[in-house]
Amino acid sequence: MEILGASLRICVDDLDTAIPFYERLSGGTALRFERGGVQVAAIGSFLLMSGPEAELEVLRRVAATIAVRDVAEAHRLLADLGARIIAGPVPTPAGRNLLAMHPDGSIFEYVDQTG
């Protein structure tokens, strides 16, 4: 499995207020979308999320989002290594994702950009 990068997940109270700071910090422009009632802005290595507290509570448990070349390959390797697949793989607006709990209890989201 090839890891292409990782995004830091940050829950914020007000996405519109937070975006300019992270755009200036990273030198990028926010790519905004909504998923399950949560507003999301991807800016460089940052993934800002804002929405209902019940949804954010779940999202805070995910340590990071890891970009991989192929989520199906990640799924196979994670399962072989003893990780518990919590959800997915499922389609996303940009590709596919899955949530996995590593044997140490850490939870990560794995994403790809293949459809």
N, C-alpha and C. Protein backbone atom coordinates (compact mmCIF):
# COMPACT_ATOMS: atom_id res chain seq x y z
N MET A 1 0.85 -1.17 0.00
CA MET A 1 0.00 0.00 0.00
C MET A 1 0.89 1.23 0.00
N GLU A 2 0.62 2.13 -0.90
CA GLU A 2 1.39 3.37 -0.98
C GLU A 2 0.62 4.50 -0.31
N ILE A 3 1.22 5.10 0.73
CA ILE A 3 0.62 6.25 1.40
C ILE A 3 1.10 7.51 0.68
N LEU A 4 0.15 8.31 0.21
CA LEU A 4 0.47 9.51 -0.56
C LEU A 4 0.57 10.75 0.30
N GLY A 5 -0.05 10.73 1.47
CA GLY A 5 -0.02 11.89 2.36
C GLY A 5 -1.06 11.73 3.45
N ALA A 6 -1.13 12.72 4.32
CA ALA A 6 -2.10 12.68 5.41
C ALA A 6 -2.65 14.08 5.63
N SER A 7 -3.89 14.15 6.11
CA SER A 7 -4.53 15.42 6.44
C SER A 7 -4.82 15.46 7.92
N LEU A 8 -4.58 16.60 8.51
CA LEU A 8 -4.90 16.82 9.90
C LEU A 8 -6.37 17.22 10.00
N ARG A 9 -7.12 16.55 10.84
CA ARG A 9 -8.55 16.77 10.99
C ARG A 9 -8.79 17.74 12.14
N ILE A 10 -9.49 18.85 11.85
CA ILE A 10 -9.73 19.88 12.86
C ILE A 10 -11.21 20.22 12.87
N CYS A 11 -11.85 20.06 14.02
CA CYS A 11 -13.25 20.44 14.19
C CYS A 11 -13.29 21.89 14.64
N VAL A 12 -14.07 22.70 13.95
CA VAL A 12 -14.16 24.13 14.27
C VAL A 12 -15.62 24.52 14.48
N ASP A 13 -15.83 25.58 15.26
CA ASP A 13 -17.18 26.06 15.51
C ASP A 13 -17.77 26.76 14.29
N ASP A 14 -16.93 27.55 13.61
CA ASP A 14 -17.40 28.36 12.49
C ASP A 14 -16.44 28.20 11.31
N LEU A 15 -16.86 27.45 10.32
CA LEU A 15 -16.02 27.17 9.16
C LEU A 15 -15.65 28.45 8.41
N ASP A 16 -16.61 29.35 8.23
CA ASP A 16 -16.35 30.59 7.49
C ASP A 16 -15.28 31.46 8.16
N THR A 17 -15.24 31.43 9.48
CA THR A 17 -14.23 32.19 10.21
C THR A 17 -12.87 31.50 10.15
N ALA A 18 -12.85 30.17 10.20
CA ALA A 18 -11.59 29.42 10.23
C ALA A 18 -10.89 29.36 8.88
N ILE A 19 -11.65 29.33 7.80
CA ILE A 19 -11.06 29.13 6.46
C ILE A 19 -9.99 30.16 6.11
N PRO A 20 -10.23 31.47 6.28
CA PRO A 20 -9.18 32.43 5.88
C PRO A 20 -7.84 32.20 6.58
N PHE A 21 -7.87 31.84 7.86
CA PHE A 21 -6.62 31.57 8.59
C PHE A 21 -5.86 30.42 7.93
N TYR A 22 -6.54 29.30 7.68
CA TYR A 22 -5.87 28.12 7.14
C TYR A 22 -5.49 28.31 5.67
N GLU A 23 -6.24 29.12 4.93
CA GLU A 23 -5.83 29.44 3.55
C GLU A 23 -4.53 30.23 3.56
N ARG A 24 -4.43 31.23 4.43
CA ARG A 24 -3.20 32.02 4.51
C ARG A 24 -2.04 31.18 5.04
N LEU A 25 -2.32 30.34 6.03
CA LEU A 25 -1.28 29.50 6.62
C LEU A 25 -0.70 28.52 5.61
N SER A 26 -1.58 27.89 4.81
CA SER A 26 -1.12 26.86 3.88
C SER A 26 -0.83 27.40 2.48
N GLY A 27 -1.29 28.60 2.19
CA GLY A 27 -1.10 29.15 0.85
C GLY A 27 -2.02 28.51 -0.17
N GLY A 28 -3.10 27.87 0.29
CA GLY A 28 -4.03 27.19 -0.61
C GLY A 28 -5.43 27.79 -0.55
N THR A 29 -6.30 27.25 -1.36
CA THR A 29 -7.69 27.67 -1.41
C THR A 29 -8.56 26.51 -0.94
N ALA A 30 -9.57 26.84 -0.15
CA ALA A 30 -10.45 25.81 0.42
C ALA A 30 -11.29 25.15 -0.66
N LEU A 31 -11.34 23.83 -0.60
CA LEU A 31 -12.28 23.04 -1.39
C LEU A 31 -13.37 22.63 -0.41
N ARG A 32 -14.59 23.15 -0.61
CA ARG A 32 -15.67 22.92 0.36
C ARG A 32 -16.64 21.87 -0.16
N PHE A 33 -17.14 21.06 0.78
CA PHE A 33 -18.20 20.09 0.47
C PHE A 33 -18.93 19.74 1.76
N GLU A 34 -20.03 19.03 1.62
CA GLU A 34 -20.80 18.60 2.78
C GLU A 34 -20.89 17.09 2.76
N ARG A 35 -20.82 16.50 3.95
CA ARG A 35 -20.93 15.04 4.06
C ARG A 35 -21.67 14.71 5.35
N GLY A 36 -22.85 14.13 5.24
CA GLY A 36 -23.61 13.70 6.40
C GLY A 36 -23.97 14.83 7.35
N GLY A 37 -24.29 16.00 6.83
CA GLY A 37 -24.65 17.14 7.66
C GLY A 37 -23.48 17.93 8.21
N VAL A 38 -22.26 17.52 7.86
CA VAL A 38 -21.05 18.21 8.31
C VAL A 38 -20.48 19.00 7.13
N GLN A 39 -20.20 20.27 7.37
CA GLN A 39 -19.55 21.11 6.37
C GLN A 39 -18.05 20.87 6.48
N VAL A 40 -17.39 20.67 5.33
CA VAL A 40 -15.97 20.33 5.31
C VAL A 40 -15.24 21.29 4.37
N ALA A 41 -14.03 21.68 4.77
CA ALA A 41 -13.16 22.46 3.90
C ALA A 41 -11.78 21.81 3.91
N ALA A 42 -11.32 21.38 2.74
CA ALA A 42 -9.98 20.81 2.58
C ALA A 42 -9.07 21.93 2.10
N ILE A 43 -8.02 22.19 2.90
CA ILE A 43 -7.08 23.27 2.58
C ILE A 43 -5.68 22.75 2.84
N GLY A 44 -4.92 22.50 1.79
CA GLY A 44 -3.58 21.96 1.98
C GLY A 44 -3.64 20.66 2.77
N SER A 45 -2.92 20.59 3.85
CA SER A 45 -2.90 19.38 4.70
C SER A 45 -3.95 19.41 5.80
N PHE A 46 -4.83 20.39 5.77
CA PHE A 46 -5.84 20.53 6.82
C PHE A 46 -7.22 20.16 6.30
N LEU A 47 -7.98 19.47 7.14
CA LEU A 47 -9.36 19.12 6.84
C LEU A 47 -10.20 19.71 7.96
N LEU A 48 -10.85 20.85 7.69
CA LEU A 48 -11.67 21.53 8.69
C LEU A 48 -13.09 20.99 8.61
N MET A 49 -13.71 20.77 9.77
CA MET A 49 -15.06 20.22 9.81
C MET A 49 -15.89 21.00 10.81
N SER A 50 -17.14 21.28 10.44
CA SER A 50 -18.06 21.99 11.32
C SER A 50 -19.45 21.43 11.12
N GLY A 51 -20.19 21.28 12.21
CA GLY A 51 -21.54 20.75 12.10
C GLY A 51 -22.12 20.40 13.45
N PRO A 52 -23.16 19.58 13.44
CA PRO A 52 -23.81 19.18 14.69
C PRO A 52 -22.83 18.47 15.62
N GLU A 53 -22.92 18.78 16.90
CA GLU A 53 -21.98 18.22 17.88
C GLU A 53 -21.98 16.69 17.87
N ALA A 54 -23.13 16.08 17.69
CA ALA A 54 -23.20 14.61 17.68
C ALA A 54 -22.35 14.04 16.55
N GLU A 55 -22.36 14.69 15.40
CA GLU A 55 -21.54 14.24 14.26
C GLU A 55 -20.06 14.49 14.53
N LEU A 56 -19.75 15.67 15.07
CA LEU A 56 -18.35 16.01 15.34
C LEU A 56 -17.75 15.10 16.39
N GLU A 57 -18.54 14.67 17.35
CA GLU A 57 -18.06 13.76 18.39
C GLU A 57 -17.50 12.48 17.76
N VAL A 58 -18.19 11.97 16.76
CA VAL A 58 -17.72 10.78 16.05
C VAL A 58 -16.46 11.10 15.26
N LEU A 59 -16.46 12.23 14.56
CA LEU A 59 -15.32 12.60 13.72
C LEU A 59 -14.05 12.84 14.53
N ARG A 60 -14.19 13.32 15.76
CA ARG A 60 -13.02 13.59 16.61
C ARG A 60 -12.27 12.30 16.98
N ARG A 61 -12.92 11.18 16.87
CA ARG A 61 -12.27 9.90 17.20
C ARG A 61 -11.29 9.46 16.12
N VAL A 62 -11.38 10.05 14.93
CA VAL A 62 -10.51 9.67 13.81
C VAL A 62 -9.24 10.52 13.89
N ALA A 63 -8.10 9.86 14.06
CA ALA A 63 -6.83 10.55 14.28
C ALA A 63 -6.39 11.37 13.07
N ALA A 64 -6.56 10.83 11.86
CA ALA A 64 -6.11 11.52 10.65
C ALA A 64 -6.74 10.87 9.43
N THR A 65 -6.69 11.59 8.34
CA THR A 65 -7.11 11.05 7.05
C THR A 65 -5.84 10.76 6.26
N ILE A 66 -5.72 9.53 5.78
CA ILE A 66 -4.53 9.10 5.06
C ILE A 66 -4.90 8.85 3.60
N ALA A 67 -4.24 9.57 2.70
CA ALA A 67 -4.45 9.38 1.27
C ALA A 67 -3.61 8.21 0.78
N VAL A 68 -4.26 7.29 0.08
CA VAL A 68 -3.57 6.12 -0.48
C VAL A 68 -3.90 6.02 -1.97
N ARG A 69 -3.10 5.28 -2.67
CA ARG A 69 -3.34 5.11 -4.10
C ARG A 69 -4.62 4.31 -4.35
N ASP A 70 -4.88 3.28 -3.51
CA ASP A 70 -6.01 2.38 -3.76
C ASP A 70 -6.60 1.91 -2.43
N VAL A 71 -7.82 2.33 -2.13
CA VAL A 71 -8.48 1.96 -0.88
C VAL A 71 -8.71 0.45 -0.79
N ALA A 72 -8.99 -0.20 -1.91
CA ALA A 72 -9.20 -1.66 -1.89
C ALA A 72 -7.92 -2.37 -1.43
N GLU A 73 -6.78 -1.91 -1.91
CA GLU A 73 -5.50 -2.48 -1.49
C GLU A 73 -5.26 -2.21 -0.01
N ALA A 74 -5.57 -0.98 0.44
CA ALA A 74 -5.43 -0.65 1.86
C ALA A 74 -6.32 -1.55 2.71
N HIS A 75 -7.54 -1.80 2.23
CA HIS A 75 -8.49 -2.66 2.94
C HIS A 75 -7.89 -4.05 3.15
N ARG A 76 -7.34 -4.61 2.10
CA ARG A 76 -6.75 -5.96 2.19
C ARG A 76 -5.58 -5.98 3.18
N LEU A 77 -4.68 -5.02 3.06
CA LEU A 77 -3.50 -5.00 3.93
C LEU A 77 -3.90 -4.76 5.39
N LEU A 78 -4.79 -3.81 5.62
CA LEU A 78 -5.22 -3.53 6.99
C LEU A 78 -5.84 -4.77 7.63
N ALA A 79 -6.71 -5.44 6.89
CA ALA A 79 -7.35 -6.66 7.41
C ALA A 79 -6.31 -7.74 7.70
N ASP A 80 -5.34 -7.89 6.80
CA ASP A 80 -4.27 -8.88 7.00
C ASP A 80 -3.43 -8.57 8.24
N LEU A 81 -3.29 -7.28 8.55
CA LEU A 81 -2.47 -6.86 9.69
C LEU A 81 -3.24 -6.84 11.00
N GLY A 82 -4.53 -7.20 10.95
CA GLY A 82 -5.31 -7.26 12.17
C GLY A 82 -6.11 -6.03 12.51
N ALA A 83 -6.18 -5.07 11.58
CA ALA A 83 -7.02 -3.89 11.82
C ALA A 83 -8.48 -4.29 11.67
N ARG A 84 -9.35 -3.58 12.39
CA ARG A 84 -10.79 -3.83 12.26
C ARG A 84 -11.37 -2.76 11.34
N ILE A 85 -11.98 -3.18 10.26
CA ILE A 85 -12.61 -2.24 9.34
C ILE A 85 -13.95 -1.83 9.94
N ILE A 86 -14.08 -0.56 10.24
CA ILE A 86 -15.29 -0.04 10.88
C ILE A 86 -16.36 0.30 9.84
N ALA A 87 -15.94 0.88 8.73
CA ALA A 87 -16.87 1.27 7.67
C ALA A 87 -16.15 1.31 6.34
N GLY A 88 -16.86 0.90 5.28
CA GLY A 88 -16.32 1.01 3.94
C GLY A 88 -15.66 -0.26 3.47
N PRO A 89 -15.08 -0.15 2.32
CA PRO A 89 -14.96 1.05 1.47
C PRO A 89 -16.31 1.49 0.90
N VAL A 90 -16.47 2.81 0.84
CA VAL A 90 -17.67 3.41 0.26
C VAL A 90 -17.26 4.54 -0.68
N PRO A 91 -18.12 4.83 -1.67
CA PRO A 91 -17.82 5.95 -2.58
C PRO A 91 -17.93 7.29 -1.86
N THR A 92 -17.10 8.23 -2.27
CA THR A 92 -17.14 9.61 -1.78
C THR A 92 -17.21 10.52 -3.01
N PRO A 93 -17.41 11.83 -2.82
CA PRO A 93 -17.42 12.72 -3.98
C PRO A 93 -16.13 12.69 -4.80
N ALA A 94 -15.00 12.31 -4.16
CA ALA A 94 -13.72 12.33 -4.86
C ALA A 94 -13.14 10.95 -5.13
N GLY A 95 -13.72 9.89 -4.60
CA GLY A 95 -13.15 8.55 -4.76
C GLY A 95 -13.83 7.57 -3.83
N ARG A 96 -13.03 6.96 -2.94
CA ARG A 96 -13.56 6.00 -1.96
C ARG A 96 -12.88 6.24 -0.62
N ASN A 97 -13.54 5.77 0.46
CA ASN A 97 -12.89 5.83 1.77
C ASN A 97 -13.28 4.64 2.61
N LEU A 98 -12.52 4.44 3.67
CA LEU A 98 -12.87 3.44 4.69
C LEU A 98 -12.33 3.95 6.02
N LEU A 99 -12.95 3.46 7.09
CA LEU A 99 -12.47 3.74 8.43
C LEU A 99 -11.95 2.44 9.02
N ALA A 100 -10.77 2.51 9.62
CA ALA A 100 -10.17 1.32 10.20
C ALA A 100 -9.63 1.63 11.59
N MET A 101 -9.85 0.67 12.50
CA MET A 101 -9.24 0.76 13.83
C MET A 101 -8.00 -0.13 13.83
N HIS A 102 -6.86 0.48 14.07
CA HIS A 102 -5.61 -0.26 14.14
C HIS A 102 -5.60 -1.10 15.42
N PRO A 103 -4.76 -2.11 15.50
CA PRO A 103 -4.71 -2.96 16.69
C PRO A 103 -4.46 -2.19 17.99
N ASP A 104 -3.83 -1.00 17.91
CA ASP A 104 -3.57 -0.21 19.12
C ASP A 104 -4.78 0.64 19.53
N GLY A 105 -5.88 0.57 18.76
CA GLY A 105 -7.08 1.33 19.08
C GLY A 105 -7.21 2.64 18.33
N SER A 106 -6.18 3.07 17.61
CA SER A 106 -6.25 4.30 16.82
C SER A 106 -7.17 4.10 15.63
N ILE A 107 -7.95 5.13 15.31
CA ILE A 107 -8.85 5.06 14.17
C ILE A 107 -8.37 6.04 13.10
N PHE A 108 -8.30 5.54 11.87
CA PHE A 108 -7.87 6.36 10.74
C PHE A 108 -8.86 6.21 9.59
N GLU A 109 -8.99 7.28 8.82
CA GLU A 109 -9.74 7.24 7.58
C GLU A 109 -8.72 7.09 6.46
N TYR A 110 -8.98 6.17 5.54
CA TYR A 110 -8.15 5.97 4.35
C TYR A 110 -8.96 6.40 3.14
N VAL A 111 -8.40 7.21 2.27
CA VAL A 111 -9.11 7.72 1.10
C VAL A 111 -8.28 7.53 -0.16
N ASP A 112 -8.97 7.38 -1.30
CA ASP A 112 -8.28 7.41 -2.59
C ASP A 112 -9.08 8.32 -3.52
N GLN A 113 -8.57 8.51 -4.71
CA GLN A 113 -9.25 9.36 -5.68
C GLN A 113 -9.61 8.57 -6.93
N THR A 114 -9.81 7.27 -6.77
CA THR A 114 -10.25 6.45 -7.90
C THR A 114 -11.73 6.18 -7.73
N GLY A 115 -12.45 6.16 -8.80
CA GLY A 115 -13.89 6.04 -8.71
C GLY A 115 -14.42 4.70 -8.89
